[in-house]
Amino acid sequence: MNDESAIRQLVAAWVEATRLGQVEKVLAMMTPDVVFLVAGQPPMHGRDGFAAGLRALLAAHRIESDSTVDEVEVCGDLAWCRTTLEVRVVPLADGGRTVRRAGHTLSVFRKNSGGAWQLARDANLLVPVQN
């Protein structure tokens, strides 16, 4: 499999693992020093903060998303991709309101020593969508 295909597959696997609530699988797809950038929030550094937030969210919600990889560029052991993404956070309890966010992301990937691609940096430009 070529590098571009591997990155596209990683994005699809991330969406599926998140949908299934497989936190450990999602964490394995990112570098230990991962940084997430979200508008209006300070940068989130490392897997631990991400894991705590995801676990707390999944305790009362499920996450559904649709992701389209718009482009991928590979430069040696670094790569980036741009995606169009919609995320729906659906309450597990009846009567709750689904929250939708949509927009674009810009992600940087690094190939690890085993040759697998992992997410290293992610800029999430999603905004609320009215239901």
N, C-alpha and C. Protein backbone atom coordinates (compact mmCIF):
# COMPACT_ATOMS: atom_id res chain seq x y z
N MET A 1 0.85 -1.17 0.00
CA MET A 1 0.00 0.00 0.00
C MET A 1 0.90 1.24 0.00
N ASN A 2 0.56 2.22 -0.83
CA ASN A 2 1.37 3.43 -0.85
C ASN A 2 1.01 4.33 0.32
N ASP A 3 1.83 5.34 0.57
CA ASP A 3 1.66 6.20 1.74
C ASP A 3 0.34 6.97 1.71
N GLU A 4 -0.04 7.49 0.54
CA GLU A 4 -1.30 8.22 0.47
C GLU A 4 -2.48 7.32 0.83
N SER A 5 -2.48 6.12 0.32
CA SER A 5 -3.56 5.18 0.65
C SER A 5 -3.55 4.83 2.13
N ALA A 6 -2.37 4.68 2.71
CA ALA A 6 -2.26 4.36 4.14
C ALA A 6 -2.85 5.48 4.99
N ILE A 7 -2.62 6.73 4.60
CA ILE A 7 -3.16 7.86 5.36
C ILE A 7 -4.67 7.93 5.20
N ARG A 8 -5.17 7.73 4.00
CA ARG A 8 -6.62 7.70 3.79
C ARG A 8 -7.26 6.58 4.61
N GLN A 9 -6.60 5.44 4.67
CA GLN A 9 -7.10 4.33 5.47
C GLN A 9 -7.07 4.67 6.96
N LEU A 10 -6.04 5.36 7.41
CA LEU A 10 -5.95 5.79 8.82
C LEU A 10 -7.12 6.70 9.18
N VAL A 11 -7.43 7.65 8.32
CA VAL A 11 -8.55 8.56 8.58
C VAL A 11 -9.85 7.76 8.69
N ALA A 12 -10.07 6.82 7.79
CA ALA A 12 -11.28 5.99 7.84
C ALA A 12 -11.31 5.14 9.10
N ALA A 13 -10.17 4.58 9.49
CA ALA A 13 -10.10 3.76 10.70
C ALA A 13 -10.38 4.59 11.95
N TRP A 14 -9.92 5.84 11.96
CA TRP A 14 -10.16 6.76 13.08
C TRP A 14 -11.66 6.99 13.23
N VAL A 15 -12.33 7.29 12.13
CA VAL A 15 -13.78 7.53 12.16
C VAL A 15 -14.50 6.30 12.70
N GLU A 16 -14.13 5.13 12.22
CA GLU A 16 -14.79 3.88 12.64
C GLU A 16 -14.51 3.57 14.12
N ALA A 17 -13.27 3.71 14.55
CA ALA A 17 -12.93 3.42 15.95
C ALA A 17 -13.64 4.39 16.89
N THR A 18 -13.76 5.64 16.48
CA THR A 18 -14.47 6.62 17.30
C THR A 18 -15.95 6.26 17.38
N ARG A 19 -16.54 5.90 16.26
CA ARG A 19 -17.96 5.50 16.23
C ARG A 19 -18.21 4.32 17.16
N LEU A 20 -17.26 3.39 17.21
CA LEU A 20 -17.40 2.20 18.04
C LEU A 20 -16.96 2.42 19.49
N GLY A 21 -16.45 3.62 19.80
CA GLY A 21 -16.00 3.92 21.16
C GLY A 21 -14.71 3.22 21.54
N GLN A 22 -13.88 2.89 20.56
CA GLN A 22 -12.62 2.19 20.80
C GLN A 22 -11.49 3.20 21.08
N VAL A 23 -11.49 3.71 22.29
CA VAL A 23 -10.56 4.78 22.66
C VAL A 23 -9.10 4.34 22.49
N GLU A 24 -8.75 3.16 22.95
CA GLU A 24 -7.36 2.71 22.85
C GLU A 24 -6.89 2.61 21.40
N LYS A 25 -7.79 2.18 20.53
CA LYS A 25 -7.44 2.10 19.12
C LYS A 25 -7.19 3.49 18.54
N VAL A 26 -8.02 4.46 18.91
CA VAL A 26 -7.83 5.84 18.46
C VAL A 26 -6.49 6.37 18.98
N LEU A 27 -6.19 6.13 20.24
CA LEU A 27 -4.94 6.63 20.83
C LEU A 27 -3.72 6.06 20.11
N ALA A 28 -3.79 4.82 19.67
CA ALA A 28 -2.67 4.20 18.97
C ALA A 28 -2.41 4.84 17.61
N MET A 29 -3.39 5.56 17.10
CA MET A 29 -3.25 6.21 15.80
C MET A 29 -2.59 7.58 15.88
N MET A 30 -2.20 8.00 17.09
CA MET A 30 -1.58 9.31 17.24
C MET A 30 -0.22 9.20 17.91
N THR A 31 0.64 10.16 17.61
CA THR A 31 1.96 10.19 18.23
C THR A 31 1.82 10.57 19.70
N PRO A 32 2.78 10.19 20.54
CA PRO A 32 2.70 10.57 21.95
C PRO A 32 2.67 12.10 22.15
N ASP A 33 3.31 12.85 21.24
CA ASP A 33 3.38 14.30 21.38
C ASP A 33 2.34 15.04 20.54
N VAL A 34 1.25 14.38 20.20
CA VAL A 34 0.20 14.95 19.36
C VAL A 34 -0.28 16.29 19.93
N VAL A 35 -0.66 17.19 19.05
CA VAL A 35 -1.23 18.48 19.44
C VAL A 35 -2.50 18.70 18.63
N PHE A 36 -3.58 19.06 19.34
CA PHE A 36 -4.86 19.36 18.70
C PHE A 36 -5.14 20.85 18.85
N LEU A 37 -5.52 21.48 17.75
CA LEU A 37 -5.87 22.89 17.75
C LEU A 37 -7.35 23.02 17.41
N VAL A 38 -8.10 23.67 18.30
CA VAL A 38 -9.53 23.90 18.11
C VAL A 38 -9.76 25.38 18.39
N ALA A 39 -10.50 26.05 17.52
CA ALA A 39 -10.76 27.48 17.68
C ALA A 39 -11.36 27.79 19.05
N GLY A 40 -10.84 28.83 19.68
CA GLY A 40 -11.36 29.27 20.96
C GLY A 40 -10.87 28.48 22.16
N GLN A 41 -10.01 27.49 21.94
CA GLN A 41 -9.49 26.65 23.02
C GLN A 41 -7.96 26.67 22.99
N PRO A 42 -7.32 26.51 24.15
CA PRO A 42 -5.87 26.38 24.12
C PRO A 42 -5.49 25.05 23.45
N PRO A 43 -4.30 24.95 22.88
CA PRO A 43 -3.87 23.68 22.28
C PRO A 43 -3.94 22.54 23.31
N MET A 44 -4.35 21.37 22.84
CA MET A 44 -4.37 20.18 23.68
C MET A 44 -3.14 19.36 23.30
N HIS A 45 -2.27 19.14 24.28
CA HIS A 45 -1.01 18.43 24.05
C HIS A 45 -1.07 17.01 24.58
N GLY A 46 -0.66 16.06 23.76
CA GLY A 46 -0.49 14.68 24.20
C GLY A 46 -1.76 13.85 24.19
N ARG A 47 -1.55 12.56 24.27
CA ARG A 47 -2.65 11.60 24.23
C ARG A 47 -3.53 11.64 25.47
N ASP A 48 -2.93 11.92 26.64
CA ASP A 48 -3.69 11.81 27.89
C ASP A 48 -4.89 12.75 27.94
N GLY A 49 -4.69 14.00 27.57
CA GLY A 49 -5.79 14.96 27.58
C GLY A 49 -6.88 14.57 26.59
N PHE A 50 -6.46 14.12 25.42
CA PHE A 50 -7.42 13.68 24.42
C PHE A 50 -8.21 12.49 24.94
N ALA A 51 -7.51 11.53 25.53
CA ALA A 51 -8.17 10.32 26.03
C ALA A 51 -9.19 10.65 27.11
N ALA A 52 -8.84 11.53 28.03
CA ALA A 52 -9.76 11.89 29.11
C ALA A 52 -11.01 12.55 28.54
N GLY A 53 -10.84 13.46 27.61
CA GLY A 53 -11.98 14.13 27.01
C GLY A 53 -12.87 13.18 26.22
N LEU A 54 -12.26 12.28 25.44
CA LEU A 54 -13.03 11.34 24.65
C LEU A 54 -13.79 10.37 25.55
N ARG A 55 -13.13 9.86 26.57
CA ARG A 55 -13.81 8.92 27.48
C ARG A 55 -15.00 9.59 28.18
N ALA A 56 -14.81 10.84 28.62
CA ALA A 56 -15.90 11.56 29.29
C ALA A 56 -17.08 11.76 28.33
N LEU A 57 -16.79 12.11 27.10
CA LEU A 57 -17.84 12.32 26.11
C LEU A 57 -18.58 11.01 25.82
N LEU A 58 -17.83 9.92 25.65
CA LEU A 58 -18.43 8.64 25.31
C LEU A 58 -19.22 8.02 26.46
N ALA A 59 -19.03 8.52 27.67
CA ALA A 59 -19.79 8.00 28.81
C ALA A 59 -21.28 8.31 28.65
N ALA A 60 -21.62 9.39 27.95
CA ALA A 60 -23.02 9.79 27.81
C ALA A 60 -23.46 9.99 26.36
N HIS A 61 -22.53 9.80 25.41
CA HIS A 61 -22.84 10.07 24.00
C HIS A 61 -22.18 9.03 23.10
N ARG A 62 -22.67 8.98 21.88
CA ARG A 62 -21.94 8.27 20.82
C ARG A 62 -21.56 9.32 19.79
N ILE A 63 -20.51 9.04 19.06
CA ILE A 63 -20.01 9.99 18.06
C ILE A 63 -20.16 9.36 16.69
N GLU A 64 -20.85 10.07 15.81
CA GLU A 64 -21.00 9.65 14.43
C GLU A 64 -20.33 10.72 13.57
N SER A 65 -19.64 10.32 12.54
CA SER A 65 -19.03 11.33 11.68
C SER A 65 -18.92 10.85 10.25
N ASP A 66 -18.84 11.81 9.37
CA ASP A 66 -18.59 11.58 7.95
C ASP A 66 -17.37 12.40 7.59
N SER A 67 -16.39 11.76 7.01
CA SER A 67 -15.14 12.43 6.67
C SER A 67 -14.79 12.13 5.21
N THR A 68 -14.44 13.19 4.51
CA THR A 68 -13.96 13.06 3.14
C THR A 68 -12.56 13.63 3.08
N VAL A 69 -11.60 12.82 2.67
CA VAL A 69 -10.23 13.31 2.52
C VAL A 69 -10.17 14.06 1.19
N ASP A 70 -9.90 15.35 1.26
CA ASP A 70 -9.88 16.20 0.06
C ASP A 70 -8.53 16.17 -0.64
N GLU A 71 -7.46 16.06 0.14
CA GLU A 71 -6.13 15.94 -0.46
C GLU A 71 -5.14 15.42 0.56
N VAL A 72 -4.12 14.76 0.05
CA VAL A 72 -3.03 14.23 0.86
C VAL A 72 -1.73 14.57 0.16
N GLU A 73 -0.74 15.00 0.93
CA GLU A 73 0.59 15.27 0.39
C GLU A 73 1.60 14.58 1.31
N VAL A 74 2.48 13.78 0.73
CA VAL A 74 3.48 13.04 1.49
C VAL A 74 4.86 13.58 1.16
N CYS A 75 5.64 13.88 2.20
CA CYS A 75 7.01 14.38 2.05
C CYS A 75 7.91 13.58 2.98
N GLY A 76 8.43 12.45 2.50
CA GLY A 76 9.27 11.60 3.34
C GLY A 76 8.47 10.98 4.45
N ASP A 77 8.92 11.21 5.71
CA ASP A 77 8.25 10.65 6.87
C ASP A 77 7.21 11.59 7.46
N LEU A 78 6.91 12.69 6.77
CA LEU A 78 5.84 13.61 7.17
C LEU A 78 4.82 13.68 6.05
N ALA A 79 3.58 13.91 6.44
CA ALA A 79 2.51 14.07 5.45
C ALA A 79 1.45 14.96 6.05
N TRP A 80 0.63 15.54 5.20
CA TRP A 80 -0.51 16.30 5.67
C TRP A 80 -1.72 15.94 4.82
N CYS A 81 -2.89 16.14 5.41
CA CYS A 81 -4.10 15.96 4.63
C CYS A 81 -5.13 16.98 5.08
N ARG A 82 -6.00 17.29 4.14
CA ARG A 82 -7.10 18.22 4.37
C ARG A 82 -8.38 17.43 4.20
N THR A 83 -9.29 17.57 5.17
CA THR A 83 -10.54 16.82 5.11
C THR A 83 -11.75 17.74 5.28
N THR A 84 -12.86 17.28 4.77
CA THR A 84 -14.16 17.87 5.07
C THR A 84 -14.83 16.91 6.04
N LEU A 85 -15.32 17.44 7.16
CA LEU A 85 -15.77 16.59 8.25
C LEU A 85 -17.09 17.09 8.82
N GLU A 86 -17.98 16.16 9.12
CA GLU A 86 -19.16 16.46 9.92
C GLU A 86 -19.18 15.49 11.09
N VAL A 87 -19.38 16.01 12.29
CA VAL A 87 -19.42 15.19 13.50
C VAL A 87 -20.77 15.42 14.18
N ARG A 88 -21.39 14.32 14.58
CA ARG A 88 -22.64 14.39 15.33
C ARG A 88 -22.40 13.72 16.68
N VAL A 89 -22.67 14.45 17.74
CA VAL A 89 -22.54 13.93 19.10
C VAL A 89 -23.97 13.66 19.57
N VAL A 90 -24.28 12.36 19.69
CA VAL A 90 -25.65 11.91 19.93
C VAL A 90 -25.76 11.42 21.37
N PRO A 91 -26.67 11.98 22.16
CA PRO A 91 -26.84 11.53 23.54
C PRO A 91 -27.32 10.08 23.59
N LEU A 92 -26.82 9.32 24.55
CA LEU A 92 -27.27 7.95 24.74
C LEU A 92 -28.65 7.91 25.37
N ALA A 93 -28.97 8.91 26.20
CA ALA A 93 -30.27 8.96 26.86
C ALA A 93 -31.31 9.57 25.92
N ASP A 94 -32.52 9.06 26.03
CA ASP A 94 -33.62 9.61 25.22
C ASP A 94 -33.87 11.07 25.59
N GLY A 95 -34.26 11.83 24.60
CA GLY A 95 -34.65 13.22 24.86
C GLY A 95 -33.53 14.23 24.75
N GLY A 96 -32.30 13.76 24.63
CA GLY A 96 -31.19 14.70 24.50
C GLY A 96 -31.09 15.24 23.08
N ARG A 97 -30.37 16.31 22.93
CA ARG A 97 -30.23 16.96 21.64
C ARG A 97 -28.90 16.58 20.99
N THR A 98 -28.95 16.17 19.74
CA THR A 98 -27.75 15.87 18.98
C THR A 98 -27.05 17.18 18.61
N VAL A 99 -25.76 17.24 18.84
CA VAL A 99 -24.96 18.41 18.48
C VAL A 99 -24.20 18.07 17.21
N ARG A 100 -24.31 18.96 16.22
CA ARG A 100 -23.62 18.76 14.93
C ARG A 100 -22.61 19.87 14.74
N ARG A 101 -21.43 19.46 14.26
CA ARG A 101 -20.39 20.41 13.89
C ARG A 101 -19.85 19.97 12.53
N ALA A 102 -19.50 20.93 11.69
CA ALA A 102 -19.00 20.58 10.36
C ALA A 102 -17.99 21.62 9.91
N GLY A 103 -17.14 21.21 8.99
CA GLY A 103 -16.13 22.11 8.44
C GLY A 103 -14.95 21.33 7.92
N HIS A 104 -13.79 21.90 8.14
CA HIS A 104 -12.58 21.34 7.57
C HIS A 104 -11.54 21.08 8.66
N THR A 105 -10.64 20.15 8.36
CA THR A 105 -9.49 19.91 9.24
C THR A 105 -8.23 19.90 8.40
N LEU A 106 -7.14 20.22 9.04
CA LEU A 106 -5.82 20.11 8.44
C LEU A 106 -4.99 19.29 9.41
N SER A 107 -4.51 18.15 8.97
CA SER A 107 -3.82 17.20 9.85
C SER A 107 -2.43 16.91 9.32
N VAL A 108 -1.49 16.78 10.25
CA VAL A 108 -0.11 16.42 9.93
C VAL A 108 0.15 15.04 10.51
N PHE A 109 0.75 14.18 9.71
CA PHE A 109 1.05 12.81 10.11
C PHE A 109 2.55 12.59 10.09
N ARG A 110 3.01 11.70 10.97
CA ARG A 110 4.43 11.32 11.01
C ARG A 110 4.50 9.80 10.96
N LYS A 111 5.45 9.30 10.18
CA LYS A 111 5.65 7.86 10.11
C LYS A 111 6.50 7.45 11.31
N ASN A 112 6.04 6.44 12.06
CA ASN A 112 6.80 6.01 13.24
C ASN A 112 7.91 5.03 12.85
N SER A 113 8.68 4.60 13.84
CA SER A 113 9.83 3.72 13.56
C SER A 113 9.42 2.37 12.98
N GLY A 114 8.17 1.99 13.19
CA GLY A 114 7.66 0.74 12.62
C GLY A 114 7.08 0.91 11.22
N GLY A 115 7.13 2.14 10.71
CA GLY A 115 6.64 2.40 9.36
C GLY A 115 5.16 2.75 9.27
N ALA A 116 4.48 2.87 10.42
CA ALA A 116 3.05 3.21 10.41
C ALA A 116 2.87 4.72 10.54
N TRP A 117 1.88 5.24 9.86
CA TRP A 117 1.55 6.65 9.97
C TRP A 117 0.72 6.90 11.22
N GLN A 118 1.01 8.03 11.90
CA GLN A 118 0.26 8.44 13.07
C GLN A 118 -0.02 9.93 12.99
N LEU A 119 -1.15 10.34 13.56
CA LEU A 119 -1.51 11.75 13.62
C LEU A 119 -0.57 12.47 14.60
N ALA A 120 0.04 13.56 14.15
CA ALA A 120 0.95 14.33 15.00
C ALA A 120 0.38 15.70 15.36
N ARG A 121 -0.32 16.34 14.43
CA ARG A 121 -0.91 17.65 14.66
C ARG A 121 -2.25 17.69 13.94
N ASP A 122 -3.24 18.37 14.57
CA ASP A 122 -4.55 18.43 13.95
C ASP A 122 -5.18 19.79 14.24
N ALA A 123 -5.55 20.49 13.19
CA ALA A 123 -6.25 21.77 13.32
C ALA A 123 -7.69 21.52 12.87
N ASN A 124 -8.60 21.64 13.81
CA ASN A 124 -10.01 21.32 13.61
C ASN A 124 -10.76 22.63 13.46
N LEU A 125 -11.33 22.89 12.28
CA LEU A 125 -12.02 24.13 12.00
C LEU A 125 -13.53 23.94 11.92
N LEU A 126 -14.07 23.03 12.70
CA LEU A 126 -15.49 22.74 12.66
C LEU A 126 -16.28 23.83 13.40
N VAL A 127 -17.47 24.10 12.88
CA VAL A 127 -18.36 25.07 13.50
C VAL A 127 -19.73 24.41 13.73
N PRO A 128 -20.50 24.93 14.67
CA PRO A 128 -21.84 24.36 14.93
C PRO A 128 -22.72 24.44 13.69
N VAL A 129 -23.55 23.39 13.53
CA VAL A 129 -24.54 23.32 12.45
C VAL A 129 -25.89 23.26 13.11
N GLN A 130 -26.81 24.07 12.64
CA GLN A 130 -28.17 24.04 13.20
C GLN A 130 -28.89 22.78 12.72
N ASN A 131 -29.59 22.13 13.62
CA ASN A 131 -30.34 20.90 13.26
C ASN A 131 -31.58 21.24 12.48
